[in-house]
C-alpha cells in the first residue's frame, strides 16, 4: 500500500472494528463493518458529515470533497481534515466515531424504509423501471426473485438497443441496497460471466 494517508487511517481506525478500504470516488473509501465513514483521496483524510458536524466543519474552514461525474461536479458529504490533524489522533478518532455512528444509523434507516417502486431502489431511474416492466418485472419483489442476471437477460430480450454491463451491476446494487460502484470487481466479473 503506497498511500500513506490510507495506511495511517486504516491503522488508526482498526480499533473501531473490522476495517477495510475500497476504491471509490477517485480515492479509497474506508469502511468499518461494511459501513463507509471516511475517504482517503488527494493525500487527505476526509470524514463523513451529518447535519450537525457539517456546520462545525464549515466553521473550521474544512472543505468538502468534490469529484466529477459525467463532467459535472458532485459535492460529497466527506470533508477534508487539515494536514496537521495527524498531530492529534484522538481528535481524528472522535470525528471518526461520530461519522461511523451516524453512517450506521443512516444505513439502518435506509434498510428499514424499503422502497415500493423499482425507480426508488439505488442506481435505478424511471427509465430503468420502464425497461424492467417491459421485461415483465413489475415490482421490487419481482426483481429480488429474478436476481440481477435474470433481470438483465430479460431486459436484453425485450430492449431494442444493446444494454451495457453497468446495468447488470446497477441491478445487483439495487437488489442489495447499495451503489453499484461498491460491488467488488470479483463479483462484477462473476455476474458478467453468467450472462453469456
N, C-alpha and C. Protein backbone atom coordinates (compact mmCIF):
# COMPACT_ATOMS: atom_id res chain seq x y z
N UNK A 1 0.86 -1.18 0.00
CA UNK A 1 0.00 0.00 0.00
C UNK A 1 0.90 1.23 0.00
N UNK A 2 0.94 1.98 -1.08
CA UNK A 2 1.83 3.14 -1.17
C UNK A 2 1.09 4.45 -0.93
N UNK A 3 -0.04 4.38 -0.26
CA UNK A 3 -0.82 5.57 0.07
C UNK A 3 -0.73 5.79 1.58
N UNK A 4 0.21 6.67 2.01
CA UNK A 4 0.44 6.81 3.46
C UNK A 4 -0.80 7.26 4.24
N UNK A 5 -1.61 8.14 3.67
CA UNK A 5 -2.82 8.60 4.38
C UNK A 5 -3.78 7.43 4.60
N UNK A 6 -3.96 6.63 3.56
CA UNK A 6 -4.85 5.47 3.67
C UNK A 6 -4.29 4.48 4.70
N UNK A 7 -3.00 4.21 4.61
CA UNK A 7 -2.36 3.25 5.52
C UNK A 7 -2.49 3.72 6.97
N UNK A 8 -2.16 4.99 7.22
CA UNK A 8 -2.24 5.53 8.59
C UNK A 8 -3.69 5.52 9.10
N UNK A 9 -4.63 5.86 8.21
CA UNK A 9 -6.05 5.89 8.60
C UNK A 9 -6.53 4.50 8.98
N UNK A 10 -6.18 3.52 8.17
CA UNK A 10 -6.65 2.16 8.43
C UNK A 10 -6.06 1.61 9.72
N UNK A 11 -4.79 1.94 9.98
CA UNK A 11 -4.18 1.51 11.25
C UNK A 11 -4.88 2.16 12.44
N UNK A 12 -5.16 3.45 12.32
CA UNK A 12 -5.83 4.18 13.41
C UNK A 12 -7.25 3.67 13.64
N UNK A 13 -7.98 3.41 12.53
CA UNK A 13 -9.39 3.03 12.65
C UNK A 13 -9.59 1.54 12.96
N UNK A 14 -8.51 0.77 12.99
CA UNK A 14 -8.63 -0.67 13.28
C UNK A 14 -9.27 -0.90 14.65
N UNK A 15 -9.09 0.06 15.56
CA UNK A 15 -9.67 -0.11 16.90
C UNK A 15 -11.19 0.09 16.91
N UNK A 16 -11.77 0.57 15.79
CA UNK A 16 -13.22 0.78 15.71
C UNK A 16 -13.97 -0.46 15.23
N UNK A 17 -13.25 -1.44 14.70
CA UNK A 17 -13.89 -2.64 14.18
C UNK A 17 -13.11 -3.20 13.00
N UNK A 18 -13.77 -4.04 12.22
CA UNK A 18 -13.14 -4.67 11.05
C UNK A 18 -13.03 -3.62 9.95
N UNK A 19 -11.82 -3.13 9.72
CA UNK A 19 -11.61 -2.02 8.79
C UNK A 19 -11.14 -2.53 7.43
N UNK A 20 -11.66 -1.92 6.36
CA UNK A 20 -11.19 -2.25 5.02
C UNK A 20 -11.38 -1.02 4.13
N UNK A 21 -10.74 -1.07 2.97
CA UNK A 21 -10.88 0.06 2.04
C UNK A 21 -11.30 -0.47 0.68
N UNK A 22 -11.88 0.43 -0.10
CA UNK A 22 -12.32 0.08 -1.45
C UNK A 22 -12.15 1.31 -2.33
N UNK A 23 -11.73 1.10 -3.55
CA UNK A 23 -11.54 2.20 -4.48
C UNK A 23 -12.88 2.87 -4.78
N UNK A 24 -12.96 4.18 -4.51
CA UNK A 24 -14.20 4.93 -4.72
C UNK A 24 -13.91 6.40 -4.94
N UNK A 25 -14.72 7.04 -5.79
CA UNK A 25 -14.68 8.48 -6.00
C UNK A 25 -13.27 9.01 -6.30
N UNK A 26 -12.46 8.23 -6.98
CA UNK A 26 -11.11 8.66 -7.30
C UNK A 26 -10.14 8.51 -6.15
N UNK A 27 -10.58 7.92 -5.06
CA UNK A 27 -9.73 7.68 -3.89
C UNK A 27 -10.09 6.33 -3.29
N UNK A 28 -10.04 6.25 -1.96
CA UNK A 28 -10.35 5.00 -1.28
C UNK A 28 -11.35 5.25 -0.16
N UNK A 29 -12.51 4.59 -0.25
CA UNK A 29 -13.48 4.65 0.83
C UNK A 29 -12.98 3.78 1.97
N UNK A 30 -13.16 4.25 3.19
CA UNK A 30 -12.74 3.50 4.38
C UNK A 30 -14.00 3.03 5.10
N UNK A 31 -14.07 1.73 5.34
CA UNK A 31 -15.25 1.09 5.92
C UNK A 31 -14.89 0.42 7.24
N UNK A 32 -15.81 0.44 8.18
CA UNK A 32 -15.71 -0.39 9.37
C UNK A 32 -16.99 -1.19 9.42
N UNK A 33 -16.85 -2.51 9.48
CA UNK A 33 -18.01 -3.41 9.50
C UNK A 33 -18.98 -3.09 8.35
N UNK A 34 -18.42 -2.90 7.15
CA UNK A 34 -19.17 -2.67 5.90
C UNK A 34 -19.92 -1.34 5.85
N UNK A 35 -19.56 -0.40 6.70
CA UNK A 35 -20.16 0.94 6.66
C UNK A 35 -19.07 1.96 6.35
N UNK A 36 -19.25 2.70 5.26
CA UNK A 36 -18.26 3.71 4.88
C UNK A 36 -18.49 4.99 5.68
N UNK A 37 -17.38 5.52 6.22
CA UNK A 37 -17.47 6.74 7.03
C UNK A 37 -16.32 7.70 6.76
N UNK A 38 -15.34 7.28 5.95
CA UNK A 38 -14.19 8.14 5.67
C UNK A 38 -13.70 7.87 4.25
N UNK A 39 -12.90 8.80 3.77
CA UNK A 39 -12.41 8.72 2.39
C UNK A 39 -10.98 9.25 2.37
N UNK A 40 -10.07 8.48 1.79
CA UNK A 40 -8.68 8.93 1.61
C UNK A 40 -8.51 9.27 0.14
N UNK A 41 -8.34 10.56 -0.15
CA UNK A 41 -8.22 11.00 -1.54
C UNK A 41 -7.41 12.29 -1.57
N UNK A 42 -6.62 12.47 -2.62
CA UNK A 42 -5.80 13.68 -2.78
C UNK A 42 -4.88 13.92 -1.59
N UNK A 43 -4.30 12.83 -1.05
CA UNK A 43 -3.39 12.90 0.10
C UNK A 43 -4.01 13.55 1.33
N UNK A 44 -5.32 13.39 1.48
CA UNK A 44 -6.01 13.93 2.66
C UNK A 44 -7.02 12.90 3.16
N UNK A 45 -7.26 12.96 4.46
CA UNK A 45 -8.31 12.14 5.07
C UNK A 45 -9.58 12.98 5.13
N UNK A 46 -10.65 12.43 4.57
CA UNK A 46 -11.96 13.09 4.58
C UNK A 46 -12.88 12.30 5.49
N UNK A 47 -13.63 13.01 6.32
CA UNK A 47 -14.56 12.37 7.26
C UNK A 47 -15.99 12.73 6.86
N UNK A 48 -16.86 11.75 6.94
CA UNK A 48 -18.27 11.96 6.59
C UNK A 48 -18.93 12.88 7.60
N UNK A 49 -19.82 13.72 7.11
CA UNK A 49 -20.52 14.66 7.99
C UNK A 49 -22.02 14.35 8.02
N UNK A 50 -22.67 14.90 9.04
CA UNK A 50 -24.13 14.91 9.08
C UNK A 50 -24.55 16.37 9.29
N UNK A 51 -25.82 16.62 9.56
CA UNK A 51 -26.30 18.00 9.68
C UNK A 51 -25.56 18.78 10.78
N UNK A 52 -25.24 18.10 11.87
CA UNK A 52 -24.57 18.80 12.98
C UNK A 52 -23.10 19.05 12.67
N UNK A 53 -22.39 18.01 12.23
CA UNK A 53 -20.94 18.18 12.04
C UNK A 53 -20.61 19.00 10.80
N UNK A 54 -21.50 19.05 9.82
CA UNK A 54 -21.19 19.81 8.61
C UNK A 54 -21.02 21.30 8.93
N UNK A 55 -21.86 21.82 9.82
CA UNK A 55 -21.73 23.25 10.16
C UNK A 55 -20.45 23.50 10.96
N UNK A 56 -20.10 22.57 11.85
CA UNK A 56 -18.85 22.69 12.60
C UNK A 56 -17.66 22.68 11.67
N UNK A 57 -17.65 21.72 10.74
CA UNK A 57 -16.53 21.61 9.81
C UNK A 57 -16.42 22.85 8.93
N UNK A 58 -17.56 23.39 8.51
CA UNK A 58 -17.53 24.60 7.67
C UNK A 58 -16.97 25.78 8.44
N UNK A 59 -17.36 25.90 9.71
CA UNK A 59 -16.84 26.99 10.55
C UNK A 59 -15.33 26.87 10.72
N UNK A 60 -14.84 25.64 10.77
CA UNK A 60 -13.39 25.41 10.91
C UNK A 60 -12.64 25.61 9.59
N UNK A 61 -13.41 25.83 8.52
CA UNK A 61 -12.79 26.07 7.21
C UNK A 61 -12.49 24.80 6.42
N UNK A 62 -13.01 23.66 6.89
CA UNK A 62 -12.80 22.41 6.17
C UNK A 62 -13.63 22.44 4.89
N UNK A 63 -13.13 21.79 3.84
CA UNK A 63 -13.80 21.80 2.54
C UNK A 63 -14.30 20.39 2.19
N UNK A 64 -15.48 20.32 1.52
CA UNK A 64 -15.98 19.00 1.09
C UNK A 64 -15.20 18.50 -0.13
N UNK A 65 -15.16 17.19 -0.25
CA UNK A 65 -14.53 16.60 -1.45
C UNK A 65 -15.51 16.72 -2.61
N UNK A 66 -15.02 17.18 -3.75
CA UNK A 66 -15.83 17.34 -4.95
C UNK A 66 -15.19 16.51 -6.06
N UNK A 67 -16.00 15.68 -6.72
CA UNK A 67 -15.48 14.91 -7.86
C UNK A 67 -16.38 15.15 -9.05
N UNK A 68 -15.88 14.77 -10.22
CA UNK A 68 -16.66 14.98 -11.46
C UNK A 68 -17.35 13.68 -11.85
N UNK A 69 -18.63 13.81 -12.19
CA UNK A 69 -19.39 12.67 -12.71
C UNK A 69 -20.03 13.13 -14.01
N UNK A 70 -19.67 12.49 -15.10
CA UNK A 70 -20.13 12.88 -16.44
C UNK A 70 -19.90 14.37 -16.70
N UNK A 71 -18.77 14.87 -16.21
CA UNK A 71 -18.39 16.25 -16.46
C UNK A 71 -18.98 17.26 -15.49
N UNK A 72 -19.84 16.80 -14.57
CA UNK A 72 -20.47 17.71 -13.61
C UNK A 72 -19.89 17.50 -12.21
N UNK A 73 -19.69 18.59 -11.46
CA UNK A 73 -19.15 18.44 -10.10
C UNK A 73 -20.20 17.86 -9.15
N UNK A 74 -19.75 16.93 -8.32
CA UNK A 74 -20.61 16.34 -7.29
C UNK A 74 -19.97 16.62 -5.94
N UNK A 75 -20.68 17.34 -5.09
CA UNK A 75 -20.18 17.67 -3.75
C UNK A 75 -20.58 16.55 -2.80
N UNK A 76 -19.59 15.96 -2.13
CA UNK A 76 -19.86 14.83 -1.24
C UNK A 76 -20.08 15.31 0.20
N UNK A 77 -20.43 14.35 1.06
CA UNK A 77 -20.60 14.61 2.49
C UNK A 77 -19.27 14.46 3.23
N UNK A 78 -18.19 14.23 2.49
CA UNK A 78 -16.88 13.96 3.10
C UNK A 78 -16.03 15.22 3.09
N UNK A 79 -15.64 15.67 4.29
CA UNK A 79 -14.86 16.90 4.43
C UNK A 79 -13.41 16.58 4.79
N UNK A 80 -12.48 17.29 4.14
CA UNK A 80 -11.06 17.06 4.35
C UNK A 80 -10.61 17.62 5.69
N UNK A 81 -9.93 16.78 6.48
CA UNK A 81 -9.32 17.26 7.71
C UNK A 81 -8.02 17.97 7.32
N UNK A 82 -7.58 18.95 8.11
CA UNK A 82 -6.35 19.67 7.76
C UNK A 82 -5.12 18.76 7.85
N UNK A 83 -4.05 19.16 7.16
CA UNK A 83 -2.83 18.35 7.12
C UNK A 83 -2.26 18.10 8.51
N UNK A 84 -2.42 19.07 9.43
CA UNK A 84 -1.83 18.90 10.76
C UNK A 84 -2.71 18.07 11.71
N UNK A 85 -3.80 17.51 11.18
CA UNK A 85 -4.71 16.74 12.04
C UNK A 85 -4.01 15.52 12.65
N UNK A 86 -2.98 15.01 11.99
CA UNK A 86 -2.31 13.80 12.47
C UNK A 86 -1.54 14.02 13.76
N UNK A 87 -1.37 15.30 14.14
CA UNK A 87 -0.71 15.58 15.41
C UNK A 87 -1.64 15.30 16.59
N UNK A 88 -2.95 15.18 16.32
CA UNK A 88 -3.93 14.89 17.36
C UNK A 88 -4.82 13.74 16.89
N UNK A 89 -4.30 12.52 17.02
CA UNK A 89 -5.04 11.35 16.53
C UNK A 89 -6.30 11.08 17.35
N UNK A 90 -6.33 11.54 18.61
CA UNK A 90 -7.55 11.37 19.41
C UNK A 90 -8.70 12.18 18.80
N UNK A 91 -8.38 13.38 18.29
CA UNK A 91 -9.41 14.20 17.64
C UNK A 91 -9.92 13.52 16.37
N UNK A 92 -9.00 12.93 15.61
CA UNK A 92 -9.41 12.20 14.40
C UNK A 92 -10.36 11.06 14.79
N UNK A 93 -9.99 10.33 15.84
CA UNK A 93 -10.82 9.21 16.29
C UNK A 93 -12.20 9.68 16.75
N UNK A 94 -12.25 10.82 17.41
CA UNK A 94 -13.54 11.36 17.86
C UNK A 94 -14.42 11.65 16.65
N UNK A 95 -13.86 12.33 15.65
CA UNK A 95 -14.62 12.61 14.41
C UNK A 95 -15.04 11.30 13.75
N UNK A 96 -14.13 10.34 13.70
CA UNK A 96 -14.40 9.07 13.03
C UNK A 96 -15.52 8.29 13.72
N UNK A 97 -15.49 8.27 15.05
CA UNK A 97 -16.54 7.56 15.81
C UNK A 97 -17.91 8.18 15.54
N UNK A 98 -17.97 9.52 15.54
CA UNK A 98 -19.23 10.21 15.24
C UNK A 98 -19.70 9.86 13.83
N UNK A 99 -18.77 9.95 12.88
CA UNK A 99 -19.11 9.69 11.48
C UNK A 99 -19.61 8.26 11.29
N UNK A 100 -18.93 7.32 11.92
CA UNK A 100 -19.32 5.91 11.81
C UNK A 100 -20.69 5.69 12.44
N UNK A 101 -20.94 6.32 13.58
CA UNK A 101 -22.23 6.14 14.27
C UNK A 101 -23.38 6.62 13.39
N UNK A 102 -23.28 7.83 12.83
CA UNK A 102 -24.43 8.28 12.03
C UNK A 102 -24.49 7.62 10.66
N UNK A 103 -23.35 7.15 10.14
CA UNK A 103 -23.38 6.40 8.88
C UNK A 103 -24.11 5.07 9.08
N UNK A 104 -23.87 4.42 10.23
CA UNK A 104 -24.55 3.16 10.54
C UNK A 104 -26.04 3.39 10.74
N UNK A 105 -26.38 4.47 11.45
CA UNK A 105 -27.79 4.79 11.70
C UNK A 105 -28.51 5.05 10.38
N UNK A 106 -27.87 5.83 9.51
CA UNK A 106 -28.48 6.14 8.20
C UNK A 106 -28.67 4.87 7.38
N UNK A 107 -27.68 3.98 7.43
CA UNK A 107 -27.76 2.72 6.69
C UNK A 107 -28.92 1.86 7.20
N UNK A 108 -29.09 1.82 8.53
CA UNK A 108 -30.20 1.05 9.12
C UNK A 108 -31.55 1.64 8.73
N UNK A 109 -31.64 2.97 8.76
CA UNK A 109 -32.90 3.63 8.40
C UNK A 109 -33.25 3.36 6.94
N UNK A 110 -32.23 3.38 6.07
CA UNK A 110 -32.48 3.11 4.65
C UNK A 110 -32.94 1.69 4.44
N UNK A 111 -32.38 0.73 5.20
CA UNK A 111 -32.79 -0.66 5.01
C UNK A 111 -34.19 -0.91 5.56
N UNK A 112 -34.59 -0.12 6.59
CA UNK A 112 -35.94 -0.26 7.15
C UNK A 112 -36.99 0.36 6.23
N UNK A 113 -36.63 1.48 5.61
CA UNK A 113 -37.56 2.16 4.70
C UNK A 113 -37.43 1.55 3.31
N UNK A 114 -38.03 0.40 3.16
CA UNK A 114 -37.89 -0.32 1.88
C UNK A 114 -38.72 0.36 0.79
N UNK A 115 -38.10 0.62 -0.37
CA UNK A 115 -38.83 1.28 -1.45
C UNK A 115 -39.91 0.38 -2.04
N UNK A 116 -41.01 1.00 -2.45
CA UNK A 116 -42.11 0.27 -3.08
C UNK A 116 -41.89 0.14 -4.59
N UNK A 117 -41.33 1.19 -5.18
CA UNK A 117 -41.18 1.21 -6.64
C UNK A 117 -39.76 0.90 -7.05
N UNK A 118 -39.62 0.30 -8.21
CA UNK A 118 -38.30 -0.04 -8.74
C UNK A 118 -37.41 1.18 -8.88
N UNK A 119 -37.98 2.29 -9.34
CA UNK A 119 -37.18 3.50 -9.58
C UNK A 119 -36.63 4.10 -8.28
N UNK A 120 -37.18 3.68 -7.14
CA UNK A 120 -36.72 4.20 -5.85
C UNK A 120 -35.56 3.39 -5.27
N UNK A 121 -35.21 2.29 -5.92
CA UNK A 121 -34.06 1.50 -5.48
C UNK A 121 -32.77 2.22 -5.86
N UNK A 122 -31.66 1.95 -5.13
CA UNK A 122 -30.39 2.56 -5.51
C UNK A 122 -30.04 2.23 -6.97
N UNK A 123 -29.46 3.16 -7.67
CA UNK A 123 -28.97 3.02 -9.06
C UNK A 123 -30.05 3.06 -10.14
N UNK A 124 -31.32 2.91 -9.78
CA UNK A 124 -32.37 2.79 -10.79
C UNK A 124 -33.10 4.12 -10.97
N UNK A 125 -33.56 4.33 -12.20
CA UNK A 125 -34.31 5.55 -12.54
C UNK A 125 -35.64 5.11 -13.15
N UNK A 126 -36.43 6.10 -13.51
CA UNK A 126 -37.72 5.81 -14.14
C UNK A 126 -37.52 5.03 -15.44
N UNK A 127 -36.50 5.40 -16.22
CA UNK A 127 -36.23 4.69 -17.48
C UNK A 127 -35.91 3.21 -17.22
N UNK A 128 -35.16 2.95 -16.16
CA UNK A 128 -34.83 1.55 -15.82
C UNK A 128 -36.08 0.81 -15.38
N UNK A 129 -36.93 1.49 -14.60
CA UNK A 129 -38.17 0.87 -14.16
C UNK A 129 -39.02 0.47 -15.37
N UNK A 130 -39.08 1.36 -16.37
CA UNK A 130 -39.86 1.06 -17.58
C UNK A 130 -39.27 -0.14 -18.33
N UNK A 131 -37.93 -0.19 -18.41
CA UNK A 131 -37.28 -1.33 -19.08
C UNK A 131 -37.60 -2.64 -18.35
N UNK A 132 -37.57 -2.60 -17.02
CA UNK A 132 -37.86 -3.79 -16.23
C UNK A 132 -39.32 -4.22 -16.41
N UNK A 133 -40.22 -3.25 -16.39
CA UNK A 133 -41.64 -3.59 -16.56
C UNK A 133 -41.92 -4.17 -17.94
N UNK A 134 -41.25 -3.62 -18.95
CA UNK A 134 -41.39 -4.15 -20.31
C UNK A 134 -40.90 -5.60 -20.37
N UNK A 135 -39.91 -5.90 -19.51
CA UNK A 135 -39.34 -7.26 -19.46
C UNK A 135 -40.14 -8.18 -18.54
N UNK A 136 -41.27 -7.66 -17.99
CA UNK A 136 -42.12 -8.50 -17.15
C UNK A 136 -41.80 -8.46 -15.68
N UNK A 137 -40.90 -7.56 -15.28
CA UNK A 137 -40.53 -7.43 -13.86
C UNK A 137 -41.23 -6.18 -13.34
N UNK A 138 -42.31 -6.40 -12.60
CA UNK A 138 -43.22 -5.32 -12.25
C UNK A 138 -42.93 -4.65 -10.90
N UNK A 139 -42.25 -5.36 -10.01
CA UNK A 139 -42.12 -4.85 -8.64
C UNK A 139 -40.74 -5.13 -8.07
N UNK A 140 -40.47 -4.53 -6.90
CA UNK A 140 -39.22 -4.77 -6.19
C UNK A 140 -39.10 -6.26 -5.87
N UNK A 141 -40.21 -6.85 -5.43
CA UNK A 141 -40.22 -8.29 -5.12
C UNK A 141 -39.88 -9.14 -6.34
N UNK A 142 -40.43 -8.77 -7.51
CA UNK A 142 -40.12 -9.50 -8.75
C UNK A 142 -38.62 -9.43 -9.06
N UNK A 143 -38.05 -8.25 -8.89
CA UNK A 143 -36.62 -8.07 -9.18
C UNK A 143 -35.78 -8.92 -8.23
N UNK A 144 -36.13 -8.91 -6.96
CA UNK A 144 -35.39 -9.72 -5.99
C UNK A 144 -35.52 -11.21 -6.30
N UNK A 145 -36.70 -11.62 -6.73
CA UNK A 145 -36.94 -13.02 -7.04
C UNK A 145 -36.14 -13.45 -8.28
N UNK A 146 -36.12 -12.60 -9.31
CA UNK A 146 -35.39 -12.92 -10.53
C UNK A 146 -33.88 -12.88 -10.33
N UNK A 147 -33.41 -11.91 -9.56
CA UNK A 147 -31.97 -11.69 -9.40
C UNK A 147 -31.45 -10.83 -10.55
N UNK A 148 -30.27 -10.26 -10.36
CA UNK A 148 -29.71 -9.31 -11.32
C UNK A 148 -29.48 -9.94 -12.69
N UNK A 149 -28.93 -11.14 -12.72
CA UNK A 149 -28.58 -11.78 -14.00
C UNK A 149 -29.82 -12.06 -14.84
N UNK A 150 -30.85 -12.66 -14.24
CA UNK A 150 -32.07 -12.98 -14.98
C UNK A 150 -32.81 -11.72 -15.42
N UNK A 151 -32.81 -10.70 -14.55
CA UNK A 151 -33.44 -9.43 -14.90
C UNK A 151 -32.72 -8.77 -16.07
N UNK A 152 -31.39 -8.82 -16.05
CA UNK A 152 -30.59 -8.25 -17.13
C UNK A 152 -30.88 -8.97 -18.45
N UNK A 153 -30.94 -10.32 -18.39
CA UNK A 153 -31.23 -11.11 -19.59
C UNK A 153 -32.63 -10.79 -20.13
N UNK A 154 -33.58 -10.60 -19.22
CA UNK A 154 -34.95 -10.27 -19.63
C UNK A 154 -34.98 -8.91 -20.34
N UNK A 155 -34.22 -7.96 -19.83
CA UNK A 155 -34.15 -6.64 -20.48
C UNK A 155 -33.49 -6.77 -21.85
N UNK A 156 -32.43 -7.57 -21.93
CA UNK A 156 -31.76 -7.78 -23.23
C UNK A 156 -32.73 -8.32 -24.27
N UNK A 157 -33.59 -9.24 -23.84
CA UNK A 157 -34.54 -9.86 -24.77
C UNK A 157 -35.60 -8.88 -25.25
N UNK A 158 -35.99 -7.93 -24.40
CA UNK A 158 -37.12 -7.06 -24.73
C UNK A 158 -36.71 -5.64 -25.13
N UNK A 159 -35.43 -5.31 -25.00
CA UNK A 159 -34.98 -3.95 -25.29
C UNK A 159 -34.41 -3.90 -26.71
N UNK A 160 -34.79 -2.89 -27.47
CA UNK A 160 -34.39 -2.82 -28.88
C UNK A 160 -32.90 -2.55 -29.08
N UNK A 161 -32.29 -1.72 -28.22
CA UNK A 161 -30.86 -1.45 -28.38
C UNK A 161 -30.07 -2.23 -27.32
N UNK A 162 -28.78 -2.33 -27.51
CA UNK A 162 -27.97 -3.12 -26.58
C UNK A 162 -27.84 -2.39 -25.25
N UNK A 163 -27.70 -3.16 -24.19
CA UNK A 163 -27.54 -2.59 -22.85
C UNK A 163 -26.17 -3.01 -22.32
N UNK A 164 -25.51 -2.08 -21.61
CA UNK A 164 -24.16 -2.32 -21.11
C UNK A 164 -24.15 -3.06 -19.78
N UNK A 165 -22.96 -3.53 -19.43
CA UNK A 165 -22.78 -4.27 -18.18
C UNK A 165 -23.05 -3.40 -16.95
N UNK A 166 -22.94 -2.07 -17.12
CA UNK A 166 -23.22 -1.18 -15.99
C UNK A 166 -24.64 -1.42 -15.46
N UNK A 167 -25.57 -1.75 -16.36
CA UNK A 167 -26.94 -2.02 -15.95
C UNK A 167 -26.99 -3.28 -15.08
N UNK A 168 -26.21 -4.28 -15.42
CA UNK A 168 -26.16 -5.51 -14.63
C UNK A 168 -25.69 -5.20 -13.21
N UNK A 169 -24.64 -4.40 -13.11
CA UNK A 169 -24.13 -4.05 -11.78
C UNK A 169 -25.10 -3.14 -11.04
N UNK A 170 -25.78 -2.26 -11.78
CA UNK A 170 -26.79 -1.39 -11.17
C UNK A 170 -27.91 -2.23 -10.57
N UNK A 171 -28.34 -3.27 -11.30
CA UNK A 171 -29.41 -4.15 -10.81
C UNK A 171 -28.95 -4.91 -9.57
N UNK A 172 -27.72 -5.40 -9.59
CA UNK A 172 -27.18 -6.12 -8.42
C UNK A 172 -27.13 -5.19 -7.21
N UNK A 173 -26.65 -3.96 -7.43
CA UNK A 173 -26.61 -2.99 -6.33
C UNK A 173 -28.01 -2.65 -5.83
N UNK A 174 -28.96 -2.51 -6.76
CA UNK A 174 -30.34 -2.19 -6.38
C UNK A 174 -30.92 -3.29 -5.49
N UNK A 175 -30.67 -4.53 -5.84
CA UNK A 175 -31.19 -5.66 -5.05
C UNK A 175 -30.57 -5.67 -3.66
N UNK A 176 -29.29 -5.30 -3.58
CA UNK A 176 -28.57 -5.33 -2.29
C UNK A 176 -28.63 -4.01 -1.53
N UNK A 177 -29.29 -2.99 -2.14
CA UNK A 177 -29.42 -1.71 -1.45
C UNK A 177 -28.16 -0.89 -1.40
N UNK A 178 -27.27 -1.07 -2.40
CA UNK A 178 -26.01 -0.33 -2.40
C UNK A 178 -25.78 0.32 -3.76
N UNK A 179 -24.87 1.29 -3.78
CA UNK A 179 -24.47 1.90 -5.04
C UNK A 179 -23.66 0.88 -5.82
N UNK A 180 -23.82 0.86 -7.14
CA UNK A 180 -23.15 -0.16 -7.96
C UNK A 180 -21.63 -0.08 -7.84
N UNK A 181 -21.08 1.11 -7.54
CA UNK A 181 -19.63 1.26 -7.51
C UNK A 181 -18.97 0.51 -6.36
N UNK A 182 -19.75 0.11 -5.34
CA UNK A 182 -19.15 -0.63 -4.23
C UNK A 182 -19.16 -2.15 -4.45
N UNK A 183 -19.71 -2.59 -5.57
CA UNK A 183 -19.69 -4.03 -5.88
C UNK A 183 -18.24 -4.41 -6.23
N UNK A 184 -17.66 -5.36 -5.51
CA UNK A 184 -16.27 -5.73 -5.78
C UNK A 184 -16.07 -6.22 -7.21
N UNK A 185 -14.88 -6.00 -7.74
CA UNK A 185 -14.56 -6.38 -9.11
C UNK A 185 -14.78 -7.87 -9.34
N UNK A 186 -14.44 -8.69 -8.35
CA UNK A 186 -14.62 -10.14 -8.49
C UNK A 186 -16.09 -10.50 -8.68
N UNK A 187 -16.97 -9.80 -7.94
CA UNK A 187 -18.41 -10.06 -8.06
C UNK A 187 -18.91 -9.58 -9.43
N UNK A 188 -18.40 -8.44 -9.90
CA UNK A 188 -18.79 -7.94 -11.23
C UNK A 188 -18.42 -8.96 -12.31
N UNK A 189 -17.20 -9.48 -12.19
CA UNK A 189 -16.75 -10.47 -13.19
C UNK A 189 -17.59 -11.73 -13.12
N UNK A 190 -17.94 -12.15 -11.93
CA UNK A 190 -18.78 -13.34 -11.75
C UNK A 190 -20.14 -13.14 -12.39
N UNK A 191 -20.75 -11.98 -12.17
CA UNK A 191 -22.06 -11.67 -12.76
C UNK A 191 -21.96 -11.63 -14.28
N UNK A 192 -20.91 -10.95 -14.78
CA UNK A 192 -20.75 -10.84 -16.24
C UNK A 192 -20.59 -12.22 -16.89
N UNK A 193 -19.92 -13.14 -16.19
CA UNK A 193 -19.70 -14.47 -16.76
C UNK A 193 -21.01 -15.26 -16.86
N UNK A 194 -22.03 -14.87 -16.10
CA UNK A 194 -23.30 -15.60 -16.08
C UNK A 194 -24.28 -15.15 -17.17
N UNK A 195 -23.96 -14.05 -17.87
CA UNK A 195 -24.93 -13.57 -18.87
C UNK A 195 -24.66 -14.10 -20.26
N UNK A 196 -23.55 -14.79 -20.45
CA UNK A 196 -23.21 -15.32 -21.78
C UNK A 196 -23.84 -16.68 -22.01
